[in-house]
């Protein structure tokens, strides 16, 4: 089931939990390119079987999660073994994910239950990027958007309240932190947009993804609603996470020493988040098209249409 037309004015028509198809999702990303980092100039793309084939060119590998390590609760074939092989080759590995609806410790538990052996320091999420800035803001009472029952233990240093359908709560906060969209309804989005338009305040988006690939299709993510807010109000939120530079800056700072950007590889399944963000950050990029956002699609057509060019296309991680 799609979530509306591919124009930029239709965001409020989409109820939460609805899934969409690839073409509609791709069009959404293309429609908001002016709010994303600029693509670098076209580059030659090299095709490789897997990461081990090209590993000697890199000291560090940044890995997207959905579409690279897992799809939903399903681990991708051979992914844990490949990460172990990269470690044996002496490579630094980091997970760089836009999963903002849970704390990093919960992501770590999930990945390790799927067969990976990451440490907490090796998992960098867009939620961490956002909270690192929010923690420095004094005297701000935030309105937090998260699914019902979410773990908010890492928000303890903030003054905040969760936003649902109470209009007064939207009016009482000094800014908004949008971390998760599961359960977010049209009525809440309309209230959100109306209140931000009435009284502009900081709007920070912890997950810039418009959609996420799942076992059953693409789910609507916070980026979708963020761009809807921008279209409705003219107020552009601040985004935390790929493809924006703040996520890559945190990931690169986590690496030992002063990393040579030409020897850092970003691996992802999406042109508009992983590859675009990696290109803009100055690192090299590898597209894994077979399992996530581009699964079943002609990835070369997508590359040409978006004019976002990875350094490598790999068949398997």
Protein backbone atom coordinates (compact mmCIF):
# COMPACT_ATOMS: atom_id res chain seq x y z
CA UNK A 1 0.00 0.00 0.00
CA UNK A 2 1.46 3.39 -0.92
CA UNK A 3 1.42 6.49 1.25
CA UNK A 4 0.17 9.05 -1.21
CA UNK A 5 1.40 10.86 -4.28
CA UNK A 6 5.04 11.61 -4.93
CA UNK A 7 4.66 15.38 -4.64
CA UNK A 8 5.99 17.34 -1.70
CA UNK A 9 2.61 18.45 -0.38
CA UNK A 10 1.07 15.11 0.55
CA UNK A 11 2.86 14.15 3.76
CA UNK A 12 -0.09 14.62 6.10
CA UNK A 13 -2.22 12.09 4.21
CA UNK A 14 -0.21 9.10 5.49
CA UNK A 15 -1.29 7.19 8.60
CA UNK A 16 1.48 5.64 10.67
CA UNK A 17 2.40 2.00 10.08
CA UNK A 18 1.43 2.10 6.41
CA UNK A 19 4.00 0.58 4.10
CA UNK A 20 4.96 1.76 0.65
CA UNK A 21 6.69 0.61 -2.50
CA UNK A 22 10.19 1.37 -3.76
CA UNK A 23 9.23 3.87 -6.47
CA UNK A 24 7.19 6.02 -4.10
CA UNK A 25 9.94 5.96 -1.46
CA UNK A 26 12.63 6.81 -4.02
CA UNK A 27 10.55 9.72 -5.29
CA UNK A 28 10.18 11.03 -1.74
CA UNK A 29 13.94 11.11 -1.28
CA UNK A 30 14.47 12.81 -4.61
CA UNK A 31 11.80 15.42 -3.83
CA UNK A 32 13.69 16.68 -0.77
CA UNK A 33 17.24 16.63 -2.16
CA UNK A 34 17.57 20.37 -1.54
CA UNK A 35 17.48 19.64 2.21
CA UNK A 36 20.26 17.06 2.02
CA UNK A 37 24.01 17.42 1.56
CA UNK A 38 25.16 17.97 -1.99
CA UNK A 39 26.38 14.98 -3.97
CA UNK A 40 30.01 14.88 -4.96
CA UNK A 41 31.03 14.73 -8.58
CA UNK A 42 30.49 11.50 -10.47
CA UNK A 43 33.10 8.84 -9.79
CA UNK A 44 33.96 5.48 -11.26
CA UNK A 45 32.22 2.60 -9.50
CA UNK A 46 34.10 -0.66 -8.97
CA UNK A 47 32.20 -3.92 -8.57
CA UNK A 48 33.39 -6.40 -5.93
CA UNK A 49 32.14 -9.70 -4.56
CA UNK A 50 32.36 -8.71 -0.88
CA UNK A 51 34.14 -6.50 1.63
CA UNK A 52 37.10 -8.81 2.12
CA UNK A 53 38.06 -8.38 -1.53
CA UNK A 54 38.59 -4.63 -1.04
CA UNK A 55 39.51 -4.61 2.65
CA UNK A 56 43.21 -3.93 2.06
CA UNK A 57 42.30 -0.43 0.87
CA UNK A 58 40.78 0.55 4.23
CA UNK A 59 41.66 0.88 7.90
CA UNK A 60 38.09 1.40 9.12
CA UNK A 61 34.66 0.30 7.96
CA UNK A 62 31.44 2.10 8.91
CA UNK A 63 28.40 -0.14 8.56
CA UNK A 64 24.77 0.74 8.20
CA UNK A 65 22.55 -1.69 10.08
CA UNK A 66 19.23 -2.17 8.24
CA UNK A 67 19.97 -3.67 4.84
CA UNK A 68 23.61 -4.44 5.68
CA UNK A 69 23.64 -6.35 8.95
CA UNK A 70 19.96 -7.18 9.27
CA UNK A 71 16.46 -6.63 7.95
CA UNK A 72 14.17 -6.17 10.92
CA UNK A 73 14.86 -9.10 13.22
CA UNK A 74 16.57 -11.19 10.54
CA UNK A 75 20.35 -11.26 10.18
CA UNK A 76 21.69 -11.02 6.63
CA UNK A 77 23.43 -14.15 5.33
CA UNK A 78 27.12 -14.22 6.21
CA UNK A 79 27.15 -10.81 7.91
CA UNK A 80 28.50 -11.90 11.34
CA UNK A 81 31.19 -13.99 9.68
CA UNK A 82 32.25 -11.09 7.45
CA UNK A 83 32.56 -8.71 10.38
CA UNK A 84 34.67 -11.28 12.22
CA UNK A 85 36.87 -11.60 9.15
CA UNK A 86 37.37 -7.83 9.00
CA UNK A 87 38.44 -7.87 12.63
CA UNK A 88 40.99 -10.59 11.92
CA UNK A 89 42.39 -8.35 9.20
CA UNK A 90 42.89 -5.62 11.79
CA UNK A 91 40.11 -3.33 10.60
CA UNK A 92 38.26 -0.96 12.91
CA UNK A 93 34.50 -1.49 12.55
CA UNK A 94 31.67 0.79 13.56
CA UNK A 95 27.91 0.53 13.19
CA UNK A 96 26.53 3.90 12.06
CA UNK A 97 22.76 3.72 12.23
CA UNK A 98 19.77 6.04 12.11
CA UNK A 99 17.87 3.84 14.58
CA UNK A 100 16.82 6.51 17.09
CA UNK A 101 13.81 4.97 18.82
CA UNK A 102 15.87 2.98 21.37
CA UNK A 103 19.05 3.68 23.37
CA UNK A 104 22.36 2.40 21.95
CA UNK A 105 22.61 -0.28 24.64
CA UNK A 106 19.42 -1.85 23.29
CA UNK A 107 20.79 -1.77 19.75
CA UNK A 108 23.94 -3.46 21.02
CA UNK A 109 21.90 -6.25 22.62
CA UNK A 110 19.99 -6.76 19.39
CA UNK A 111 23.07 -6.92 17.19
CA UNK A 112 24.87 -9.31 19.51
CA UNK A 113 21.80 -11.56 19.72
CA UNK A 114 21.95 -11.71 15.91
CA UNK A 115 25.49 -13.09 16.13
CA UNK A 116 27.68 -10.00 16.06
CA UNK A 117 30.27 -9.17 18.68
CA UNK A 118 30.17 -5.39 18.83
CA UNK A 119 31.06 -3.30 21.85
CA UNK A 120 29.04 -0.29 22.93
CA UNK A 121 31.80 2.01 21.67
CA UNK A 122 31.41 0.51 18.21
CA UNK A 123 27.72 1.44 17.90
CA UNK A 124 27.02 5.04 16.91
CA UNK A 125 23.37 5.95 16.49
CA UNK A 126 21.70 9.15 15.35
CA UNK A 127 20.03 9.24 18.78
CA UNK A 128 23.46 9.63 20.38
CA UNK A 129 24.33 12.41 17.95
CA UNK A 130 21.17 14.33 18.83
CA UNK A 131 21.46 13.79 22.59
CA UNK A 132 25.10 14.88 22.60
CA UNK A 133 23.91 18.32 21.51
CA UNK A 134 20.73 18.33 23.60
CA UNK A 135 22.75 17.60 26.75
CA UNK A 136 24.58 20.91 26.27
CA UNK A 137 21.36 22.94 26.13
CA UNK A 138 20.55 24.47 29.49
CA UNK A 139 17.03 25.31 30.66
CA UNK A 140 15.23 23.72 27.72
CA UNK A 141 12.06 21.72 28.34
CA UNK A 142 11.71 19.33 25.41
CA UNK A 143 8.71 17.64 23.89
CA UNK A 144 9.81 14.12 22.94
CA UNK A 145 8.14 12.06 20.23
CA UNK A 146 8.65 8.34 20.78
CA UNK A 147 6.50 5.20 20.56
CA UNK A 148 4.41 4.29 23.59
CA UNK A 149 6.44 2.40 26.19
CA UNK A 150 9.84 3.37 24.79
CA UNK A 151 13.02 3.12 26.86
CA UNK A 152 13.99 6.69 27.76
CA UNK A 153 16.69 5.88 30.30
CA UNK A 154 19.34 7.80 28.34
CA UNK A 155 17.21 10.96 28.37
CA UNK A 156 17.59 11.32 32.13
CA UNK A 157 19.70 14.47 31.92
CA UNK A 158 17.03 16.37 29.99
CA UNK A 159 13.87 18.14 31.07
CA UNK A 160 11.22 16.60 28.85
CA UNK A 161 7.75 15.19 28.46
CA UNK A 162 6.38 12.78 25.88
CA UNK A 163 3.95 14.24 23.37
CA UNK A 164 0.75 12.45 22.43
CA UNK A 165 -2.57 14.15 21.75
CA UNK A 166 -2.66 16.82 24.47
CA UNK A 167 -2.53 20.21 22.76
CA UNK A 168 -1.40 21.96 25.94
CA UNK A 169 1.69 19.77 26.12
CA UNK A 170 2.76 20.93 22.65
CA UNK A 171 2.28 24.53 23.73
CA UNK A 172 4.28 24.17 26.95
CA UNK A 173 7.58 22.84 25.54
CA UNK A 174 10.56 24.85 24.32
CA UNK A 175 11.51 22.50 21.49
CA UNK A 176 10.83 19.11 19.96
CA UNK A 177 12.92 15.93 19.74
CA UNK A 178 11.43 13.51 17.18
CA UNK A 179 13.05 10.13 17.82
CA UNK A 180 10.53 7.51 16.70
CA UNK A 181 7.40 7.50 14.54
CA UNK A 182 5.79 4.12 15.29
CA UNK A 183 2.24 4.92 16.36
CA UNK A 184 2.45 8.56 15.25
CA UNK A 185 -0.96 9.49 13.87
CA UNK A 186 -2.25 12.05 11.39
CA UNK A 187 -4.00 13.98 14.16
CA UNK A 188 -0.75 14.28 16.11
CA UNK A 189 1.15 15.37 13.00
CA UNK A 190 -1.44 18.03 12.26
CA UNK A 191 -1.26 19.30 15.84
CA UNK A 192 2.53 19.26 15.69
CA UNK A 193 2.64 21.27 12.46
CA UNK A 194 0.04 23.77 13.64
CA UNK A 195 1.85 24.39 16.91
CA UNK A 196 5.28 24.80 15.31
CA UNK A 197 3.78 27.23 12.80
CA UNK A 198 2.03 29.15 15.60
CA UNK A 199 5.21 29.45 17.65
CA UNK A 200 8.42 28.40 15.92
CA UNK A 201 10.81 26.49 18.18
CA UNK A 202 13.72 24.10 17.63
CA UNK A 203 12.65 20.88 15.93
CA UNK A 204 15.34 18.19 16.02
CA UNK A 205 14.91 14.98 14.07
CA UNK A 206 16.74 11.94 15.44
CA UNK A 207 16.15 9.77 12.37
CA UNK A 208 16.35 11.45 8.94
CA UNK A 209 15.19 8.28 7.16
CA UNK A 210 11.97 8.73 5.21
CA UNK A 211 11.40 4.97 5.11
CA UNK A 212 13.10 1.86 6.45
CA UNK A 213 13.20 -1.57 4.78
CA UNK A 214 11.52 -4.33 6.77
CA UNK A 215 10.65 -7.91 6.04
CA UNK A 216 7.22 -6.81 4.84
CA UNK A 217 7.95 -3.54 3.04
CA UNK A 218 9.02 0.02 3.83
CA UNK A 219 7.80 1.63 7.04
CA UNK A 220 7.37 5.36 7.44
CA UNK A 221 10.11 6.91 9.58
CA UNK A 222 10.61 10.29 11.32
CA UNK A 223 12.22 11.89 8.27
CA UNK A 224 8.95 11.51 6.40
CA UNK A 225 7.08 13.53 9.01
CA UNK A 226 9.93 16.02 9.33
CA UNK A 227 9.76 16.90 5.65
CA UNK A 228 5.99 17.07 5.95
CA UNK A 229 6.42 19.64 8.70
CA UNK A 230 8.83 21.62 6.52
CA UNK A 231 6.43 21.55 3.58
CA UNK A 232 3.51 22.60 5.77
CA UNK A 233 5.18 25.34 7.80
CA UNK A 234 8.28 26.43 5.87
CA UNK A 235 10.34 25.66 8.99
CA UNK A 236 13.23 23.31 8.27
CA UNK A 237 14.05 20.97 11.18
CA UNK A 238 17.60 20.15 12.20
CA UNK A 239 18.48 16.59 11.23
CA UNK A 240 20.78 14.27 13.17
CA UNK A 241 22.07 11.15 11.43
CA UNK A 242 22.94 10.06 7.92
CA UNK A 243 23.30 11.66 5.40
CA UNK A 244 24.16 14.67 7.57
CA UNK A 245 27.69 15.43 8.64
CA UNK A 246 27.05 15.32 12.40
CA UNK A 247 26.70 11.53 12.33
CA UNK A 248 29.90 11.01 10.36
CA UNK A 249 31.78 13.43 12.59
CA UNK A 250 30.87 11.38 15.67
CA UNK A 251 31.75 8.10 13.97
CA UNK A 252 35.12 9.42 12.78
CA UNK A 253 35.93 10.82 16.23
CA UNK A 254 35.38 7.34 17.66
CA UNK A 255 38.19 5.91 15.53
CA UNK A 256 41.74 5.79 16.93
CA UNK A 257 44.18 8.47 15.88
CA UNK A 258 43.52 10.79 12.97
CA UNK A 259 41.87 8.59 10.34
CA UNK A 260 42.80 9.08 6.71
CA UNK A 261 39.37 9.66 5.17
CA UNK A 262 40.44 7.95 1.97
CA UNK A 263 40.96 4.78 4.02
CA UNK A 264 37.54 4.87 5.68
CA UNK A 265 34.67 3.02 3.96
CA UNK A 266 30.96 3.61 4.53
CA UNK A 267 28.86 0.54 3.64
CA UNK A 268 25.13 0.90 3.16
CA UNK A 269 22.04 -0.12 1.24
CA UNK A 270 20.74 3.38 0.49
CA UNK A 271 21.99 5.97 -1.96
CA UNK A 272 20.27 8.90 -0.24
CA UNK A 273 21.54 8.25 3.29
CA UNK A 274 24.62 6.00 3.35
CA UNK A 275 26.28 6.80 0.02
CA UNK A 276 25.33 10.48 -0.17
CA UNK A 277 26.35 11.03 3.44
CA UNK A 278 29.63 9.17 3.03
CA UNK A 279 30.48 11.08 -0.13
CA UNK A 280 29.75 14.42 1.55
CA UNK A 281 31.85 13.42 4.59
CA UNK A 282 34.83 12.69 2.36
CA UNK A 283 35.02 8.95 3.01
CA UNK A 284 34.69 6.25 0.39
CA UNK A 285 31.46 4.35 -0.04
CA UNK A 286 30.18 0.88 -0.90
CA UNK A 287 26.59 0.14 -1.90
CA UNK A 288 25.07 -3.23 -0.99
CA UNK A 289 21.94 -3.27 -3.18
CA UNK A 290 20.75 -6.83 -2.76
CA UNK A 291 18.97 -6.87 0.59
CA UNK A 292 17.69 -3.50 1.80
CA UNK A 293 16.31 -0.40 0.11
CA UNK A 294 17.31 -1.44 -3.41
CA UNK A 295 16.48 -5.14 -3.14
CA UNK A 296 14.95 -6.37 -6.40
CA UNK A 297 15.62 -3.07 -8.18
CA UNK A 298 17.98 -2.11 -10.98
CA UNK A 299 20.55 -0.33 -8.83
CA UNK A 300 22.36 1.18 -11.81
CA UNK A 301 19.18 2.92 -12.92
CA UNK A 302 18.76 4.24 -9.37
CA UNK A 303 22.37 5.49 -9.30
CA UNK A 304 21.91 7.29 -12.60
CA UNK A 305 18.57 8.81 -11.62
CA UNK A 306 19.83 10.10 -8.28
CA UNK A 307 23.29 10.98 -9.62
CA UNK A 308 24.73 9.60 -6.37
CA UNK A 309 27.72 7.41 -7.16
CA UNK A 310 29.32 4.91 -4.77
CA UNK A 311 32.97 3.96 -5.06
CA UNK A 312 32.03 0.29 -4.90
CA UNK A 313 29.03 -1.94 -5.43
CA UNK A 314 29.28 -5.22 -3.55
CA UNK A 315 27.19 -8.35 -4.08
CA UNK A 316 27.48 -9.57 -0.51
CA UNK A 317 28.75 -7.98 2.65
